[in-house]
Amino acid sequence: MPPNDKQAEAVEMTPVHADHLIANGELAAENAWCVSYDTEALPEQRPAFVPLALWKAHQEDTELAPLLASDCELTVTLADELRSAPAIAIHFPAFTDGRGYTLARLLRERFGYQGEVRAVGDVLVDQLEYMRRCGFTAMALRDDQHPEDALRALSFFSVRYQPDVEERQALFEKRLNAHH
């Protein structure tokens, strides 16, 4: 039976820790950061990712980091503000919503963000390789996803044809350069 609105709201407001966090291609021993979706109040648990507007209002709190919604418009001004963030979480409301990939790629390639970029929300094993290629360094798996499968998925491809945030040259370009 689906939860009623009040139950769903209570679940949404409670800060969540991902049980299975993949960080830098490995299963993280622990996950200190929780994620709070509450747009009004700061969570008691720290450190925490909080919605962007709440983070902006409390940037002096070093135990807070921004949580970007998938529909966030990443402007030059916002990117400049985000440079000071210790980490940035990008929410995937559904695995079919690909806007988070674009946000990560823009943060890395256009705006040069060097800190952790974490995928949170509806994160599935199937997405991890693509997330990494777009600039995510940490992925908080959905509860029903198995970390062993995630690690296997991340080591599945040994060669990539297209360029990405890690590898700037396509495979054919590398081959051409090797012969000259």
C-alpha atoms as a PDB file:
ATOM      1  CA  MET A   1       0.000   0.000   0.000  1.00  0.00           C
ATOM      2  CA  PRO A   2       1.565   3.356  -0.978  1.00  0.00           C
ATOM      3  CA  PRO A   3       2.259   5.791   1.864  1.00  0.00           C
ATOM      4  CA  ASN A   4      -0.105   8.704   2.250  1.00  0.00           C
ATOM      5  CA  ASP A   5       1.212  12.233   1.714  1.00  0.00           C
ATOM      6  CA  LYS A   6       2.149  12.760   5.375  1.00  0.00           C
ATOM      7  CA  GLN A   7       4.097   9.461   5.518  1.00  0.00           C
ATOM      8  CA  ALA A   8       5.858  10.230   2.235  1.00  0.00           C
ATOM      9  CA  GLU A   9       6.707  13.715   3.503  1.00  0.00           C
ATOM     10  CA  ALA A  10       8.140  12.283   6.748  1.00  0.00           C
ATOM     11  CA  VAL A  11      10.344   9.885   4.791  1.00  0.00           C
ATOM     12  CA  GLU A  12      11.472  12.709   2.500  1.00  0.00           C
ATOM     13  CA  MET A  13      12.371  14.961   5.461  1.00  0.00           C
ATOM     14  CA  THR A  14      14.467  12.410   7.346  1.00  0.00           C
ATOM     15  CA  PRO A  15      18.173  12.671   6.454  1.00  0.00           C
ATOM     16  CA  VAL A  16      19.321   9.467   4.777  1.00  0.00           C
ATOM     17  CA  HIS A  17      22.648   7.692   4.689  1.00  0.00           C
ATOM     18  CA  ALA A  18      23.384   5.426   1.756  1.00  0.00           C
ATOM     19  CA  ASP A  19      24.393   1.987   2.977  1.00  0.00           C
ATOM     20  CA  HIS A  20      26.397   1.353  -0.158  1.00  0.00           C
ATOM     21  CA  LEU A  21      28.628   4.177  -1.283  1.00  0.00           C
ATOM     22  CA  ILE A  22      31.033   3.713  -4.162  1.00  0.00           C
ATOM     23  CA  ALA A  23      33.809   6.313  -3.933  1.00  0.00           C
ATOM     24  CA  ASN A  24      36.702   6.565  -6.394  1.00  0.00           C
ATOM     25  CA  GLY A  25      35.870   3.160  -7.832  1.00  0.00           C
ATOM     26  CA  GLU A  26      35.823   1.309  -4.497  1.00  0.00           C
ATOM     27  CA  LEU A  27      33.271   0.445  -1.841  1.00  0.00           C
ATOM     28  CA  ALA A  28      33.637   3.132   0.818  1.00  0.00           C
ATOM     29  CA  ALA A  29      34.301   1.781   4.315  1.00  0.00           C
ATOM     30  CA  GLU A  30      31.985   4.417   5.721  1.00  0.00           C
ATOM     31  CA  ASN A  31      29.714   7.179   4.548  1.00  0.00           C
ATOM     32  CA  ALA A  32      29.890  10.185   6.857  1.00  0.00           C
ATOM     33  CA  TRP A  33      27.594  12.386   4.751  1.00  0.00           C
ATOM     34  CA  CYS A  34      23.835  12.160   5.023  1.00  0.00           C
ATOM     35  CA  VAL A  35      21.395  13.668   2.528  1.00  0.00           C
ATOM     36  CA  SER A  36      18.546  15.916   3.672  1.00  0.00           C
ATOM     37  CA  TYR A  37      15.767  16.861   1.265  1.00  0.00           C
ATOM     38  CA  ASP A  38      14.133  19.245   3.762  1.00  0.00           C
ATOM     39  CA  THR A  39      14.086  22.697   2.172  1.00  0.00           C
ATOM     40  CA  GLU A  40      13.164  24.502   5.413  1.00  0.00           C
ATOM     41  CA  ALA A  41      15.231  23.171   8.312  1.00  0.00           C
ATOM     42  CA  LEU A  42      18.842  22.135   8.711  1.00  0.00           C
ATOM     43  CA  PRO A  43      19.362  18.507   9.726  1.00  0.00           C
ATOM     44  CA  GLU A  44      20.814  17.669  13.127  1.00  0.00           C
ATOM     45  CA  GLN A  45      23.045  15.030  11.538  1.00  0.00           C
ATOM     46  CA  ARG A  46      26.302  16.379  10.152  1.00  0.00           C
ATOM     47  CA  PRO A  47      27.990  16.486   7.733  1.00  0.00           C
ATOM     48  CA  ALA A  48      25.013  16.774   5.394  1.00  0.00           C
ATOM     49  CA  PHE A  49      24.073  17.559   1.839  1.00  0.00           C
ATOM     50  CA  VAL A  50      21.164  20.023   1.910  1.00  0.00           C
ATOM     51  CA  PRO A  51      19.046  21.622  -0.831  1.00  0.00           C
ATOM     52  CA  LEU A  52      20.866  24.388  -2.693  1.00  0.00           C
ATOM     53  CA  ALA A  53      18.898  27.365  -1.274  1.00  0.00           C
ATOM     54  CA  LEU A  54      19.451  26.138   2.291  1.00  0.00           C
ATOM     55  CA  TRP A  55      23.179  25.655   1.635  1.00  0.00           C
ATOM     56  CA  LYS A  56      23.435  29.165   0.154  1.00  0.00           C
ATOM     57  CA  ALA A  57      21.855  30.604   3.304  1.00  0.00           C
ATOM     58  CA  HIS A  58      24.362  28.751   5.520  1.00  0.00           C
ATOM     59  CA  GLN A  59      27.583  28.675   3.483  1.00  0.00           C
ATOM     60  CA  GLU A  60      29.639  29.510   6.553  1.00  0.00           C
ATOM     61  CA  ASP A  61      28.750  26.068   7.987  1.00  0.00           C
ATOM     62  CA  THR A  62      31.580  23.836   6.740  1.00  0.00           C
ATOM     63  CA  GLU A  63      29.639  20.680   7.617  1.00  0.00           C
ATOM     64  CA  LEU A  64      27.058  21.434   4.927  1.00  0.00           C
ATOM     65  CA  ALA A  65      27.335  20.858   1.194  1.00  0.00           C
ATOM     66  CA  PRO A  66      24.898  21.589  -1.633  1.00  0.00           C
ATOM     67  CA  LEU A  67      22.398  19.094  -3.009  1.00  0.00           C
ATOM     68  CA  LEU A  68      21.524  20.025  -6.587  1.00  0.00           C
ATOM     69  CA  ALA A  69      18.151  19.066  -7.999  1.00  0.00           C
ATOM     70  CA  SER A  70      18.269  17.514 -11.460  1.00  0.00           C
ATOM     71  CA  ASP A  71      16.546  20.592 -12.905  1.00  0.00           C
ATOM     72  CA  CYS A  72      19.095  23.013 -11.422  1.00  0.00           C
ATOM     73  CA  GLU A  73      20.306  25.651 -13.874  1.00  0.00           C
ATOM     74  CA  LEU A  74      24.075  25.768 -13.555  1.00  0.00           C
ATOM     75  CA  THR A  75      24.957  29.391 -14.267  1.00  0.00           C
ATOM     76  CA  VAL A  76      28.433  30.952 -14.129  1.00  0.00           C
ATOM     77  CA  THR A  77      27.430  32.758 -10.916  1.00  0.00           C
ATOM     78  CA  LEU A  78      26.223  29.554  -9.263  1.00  0.00           C
ATOM     79  CA  ALA A  79      29.323  27.647 -10.401  1.00  0.00           C
ATOM     80  CA  ASP A  80      31.498  30.325  -8.764  1.00  0.00           C
ATOM     81  CA  GLU A  81      29.561  29.899  -5.495  1.00  0.00           C
ATOM     82  CA  LEU A  82      29.888  26.116  -5.681  1.00  0.00           C
ATOM     83  CA  ARG A  83      33.703  26.283  -5.901  1.00  0.00           C
ATOM     84  CA  SER A  84      33.852  26.696  -2.112  1.00  0.00           C
ATOM     85  CA  ALA A  85      31.734  23.584  -1.461  1.00  0.00           C
ATOM     86  CA  PRO A  86      33.640  20.630   0.034  1.00  0.00           C
ATOM     87  CA  ALA A  87      31.487  18.290  -2.100  1.00  0.00           C
ATOM     88  CA  ILE A  88      28.410  18.510  -4.312  1.00  0.00           C
ATOM     89  CA  ALA A  89      25.579  15.975  -4.459  1.00  0.00           C
ATOM     90  CA  ILE A  90      23.375  15.713  -7.531  1.00  0.00           C
ATOM     91  CA  HIS A  91      19.957  14.147  -7.037  1.00  0.00           C
ATOM     92  CA  PHE A  92      18.603  11.584  -9.491  1.00  0.00           C
ATOM     93  CA  PRO A  93      14.819  11.552  -8.873  1.00  0.00           C
ATOM     94  CA  ALA A  94      14.458   8.609 -11.273  1.00  0.00           C
ATOM     95  CA  PHE A  95      17.047   6.505 -13.069  1.00  0.00           C
ATOM     96  CA  THR A  96      15.485   7.648 -16.350  1.00  0.00           C
ATOM     97  CA  ASP A  97      16.281  11.310 -15.576  1.00  0.00           C
ATOM     98  CA  GLY A  98      19.616  12.052 -17.258  1.00  0.00           C
ATOM     99  CA  ARG A  99      19.952  15.731 -16.362  1.00  0.00           C
ATOM    100  CA  GLY A 100      22.318  14.927 -13.479  1.00  0.00           C
ATOM    101  CA  TYR A 101      24.908  13.627 -15.961  1.00  0.00           C
ATOM    102  CA  THR A 102      24.909  17.018 -17.673  1.00  0.00           C
ATOM    103  CA  LEU A 103      25.295  18.861 -14.365  1.00  0.00           C
ATOM    104  CA  ALA A 104      28.320  16.733 -13.414  1.00  0.00           C
ATOM    105  CA  ARG A 105      29.921  17.177 -16.802  1.00  0.00           C
ATOM    106  CA  LEU A 106      29.417  20.960 -16.712  1.00  0.00           C
ATOM    107  CA  LEU A 107      30.848  21.168 -13.186  1.00  0.00           C
ATOM    108  CA  ARG A 108      33.986  19.329 -14.298  1.00  0.00           C
ATOM    109  CA  GLU A 109      34.587  20.496 -17.866  1.00  0.00           C
ATOM    110  CA  ARG A 110      33.169  24.005 -18.074  1.00  0.00           C
ATOM    111  CA  PHE A 111      33.637  25.165 -14.497  1.00  0.00           C
ATOM    112  CA  GLY A 112      36.646  23.110 -13.365  1.00  0.00           C
ATOM    113  CA  TYR A 113      35.179  21.868 -10.073  1.00  0.00           C
ATOM    114  CA  GLN A 114      37.771  19.618  -8.400  1.00  0.00           C
ATOM    115  CA  GLY A 115      35.922  18.325  -5.309  1.00  0.00           C
ATOM    116  CA  GLU A 116      33.745  15.259  -4.849  1.00  0.00           C
ATOM    117  CA  VAL A 117      30.657  15.063  -7.041  1.00  0.00           C
ATOM    118  CA  ARG A 118      28.231  12.485  -5.610  1.00  0.00           C
ATOM    119  CA  ALA A 119      25.195  10.905  -7.276  1.00  0.00           C
ATOM    120  CA  VAL A 120      22.301  10.356  -4.861  1.00  0.00           C
ATOM    121  CA  GLY A 121      18.713   9.183  -5.233  1.00  0.00           C
ATOM    122  CA  ASP A 122      17.646   6.561  -7.750  1.00  0.00           C
ATOM    123  CA  VAL A 123      21.189   5.347  -8.539  1.00  0.00           C
ATOM    124  CA  LEU A 124      21.447   1.922 -10.159  1.00  0.00           C
ATOM    125  CA  VAL A 125      24.435  -0.301 -10.900  1.00  0.00           C
ATOM    126  CA  ASP A 126      23.800   0.058 -14.649  1.00  0.00           C
ATOM    127  CA  GLN A 127      24.496   3.802 -14.488  1.00  0.00           C
ATOM    128  CA  LEU A 128      27.811   3.827 -12.615  1.00  0.00           C
ATOM    129  CA  GLU A 129      30.246   3.653 -15.536  1.00  0.00           C
ATOM    130  CA  TYR A 130      28.430   6.507 -17.298  1.00  0.00           C
ATOM    131  CA  MET A 131      28.332   8.526 -14.089  1.00  0.00           C
ATOM    132  CA  ARG A 132      32.074   8.123 -13.629  1.00  0.00           C
ATOM    133  CA  ARG A 133      32.693   9.159 -17.238  1.00  0.00           C
ATOM    134  CA  CYS A 134      30.654  12.341 -16.635  1.00  0.00           C
ATOM    135  CA  GLY A 135      32.655  13.323 -13.567  1.00  0.00           C
ATOM    136  CA  PHE A 136      31.008  11.669 -10.563  1.00  0.00           C
ATOM    137  CA  THR A 137      33.571  10.452  -8.024  1.00  0.00           C
ATOM    138  CA  ALA A 138      31.035   8.962  -5.610  1.00  0.00           C
ATOM    139  CA  MET A 139      27.740   7.175  -6.140  1.00  0.00           C
ATOM    140  CA  ALA A 140      25.294   6.337  -3.352  1.00  0.00           C
ATOM    141  CA  LEU A 141      23.520   3.196  -4.535  1.00  0.00           C
ATOM    142  CA  ARG A 142      19.795   2.721  -4.119  1.00  0.00           C
ATOM    143  CA  ASP A 143      19.103   0.320  -1.228  1.00  0.00           C
ATOM    144  CA  ASP A 144      18.215  -2.652  -3.448  1.00  0.00           C
ATOM    145  CA  GLN A 145      21.481  -2.454  -5.437  1.00  0.00           C
ATOM    146  CA  HIS A 146      24.370  -4.763  -4.549  1.00  0.00           C
ATOM    147  CA  PRO A 147      27.843  -3.241  -4.063  1.00  0.00           C
ATOM    148  CA  GLU A 148      29.594  -6.320  -5.517  1.00  0.00           C
ATOM    149  CA  ASP A 149      27.632  -5.843  -8.756  1.00  0.00           C
ATOM    150  CA  ALA A 150      28.570  -2.167  -8.713  1.00  0.00           C
ATOM    151  CA  LEU A 151      32.290  -2.880  -8.441  1.00  0.00           C
ATOM    152  CA  ARG A 152      32.043  -5.442 -11.257  1.00  0.00           C
ATOM    153  CA  ALA A 153      30.191  -2.920 -13.425  1.00  0.00           C
ATOM    154  CA  LEU A 154      32.899  -0.305 -12.883  1.00  0.00           C
ATOM    155  CA  SER A 155      35.635  -2.666 -14.081  1.00  0.00           C
ATOM    156  CA  PHE A 156      33.668  -4.128 -16.984  1.00  0.00           C
ATOM    157  CA  PHE A 157      35.019  -1.853 -19.736  1.00  0.00           C
ATOM    158  CA  SER A 158      38.775  -1.692 -20.240  1.00  0.00           C
ATOM    159  CA  VAL A 159      38.677   0.474 -23.390  1.00  0.00           C
ATOM    160  CA  ARG A 160      36.371   3.376 -24.199  1.00  0.00           C
ATOM    161  CA  TYR A 161      35.887   4.645 -27.704  1.00  0.00           C
ATOM    162  CA  GLN A 162      34.458   8.087 -26.868  1.00  0.00           C
ATOM    163  CA  PRO A 163      36.216  10.828 -24.886  1.00  0.00           C
ATOM    164  CA  ASP A 164      34.946  11.726 -21.411  1.00  0.00           C
ATOM    165  CA  VAL A 165      35.984  13.820 -18.400  1.00  0.00           C
ATOM    166  CA  GLU A 166      38.865  11.434 -17.604  1.00  0.00           C
ATOM    167  CA  GLU A 167      40.050  10.647 -21.135  1.00  0.00           C
ATOM    168  CA  ARG A 168      40.031  13.672 -23.446  1.00  0.00           C
ATOM    169  CA  GLN A 169      40.938  11.826 -26.671  1.00  0.00           C
ATOM    170  CA  ALA A 170      38.779   9.368 -28.563  1.00  0.00           C
ATOM    171  CA  LEU A 171      40.334   5.979 -29.255  1.00  0.00           C
ATOM    172  CA  PHE A 172      40.783   6.723 -32.973  1.00  0.00           C
ATOM    173  CA  GLU A 173      42.652   9.945 -32.093  1.00  0.00           C
ATOM    174  CA  LYS A 174      45.036   8.036 -29.848  1.00  0.00           C
ATOM    175  CA  ARG A 175      45.679   5.515 -32.608  1.00  0.00           C
ATOM    176  CA  LEU A 176      46.305   8.268 -35.156  1.00  0.00           C
ATOM    177  CA  ASN A 177      48.733  10.028 -32.820  1.00  0.00           C
ATOM    178  CA  ALA A 178      50.565   6.781 -32.080  1.00  0.00           C
ATOM    179  CA  HIS A 179      51.364   6.326 -35.764  1.00  0.00           C
ATOM    180  CA  HIS A 180      52.786   9.825 -36.277  1.00  0.00           C
END
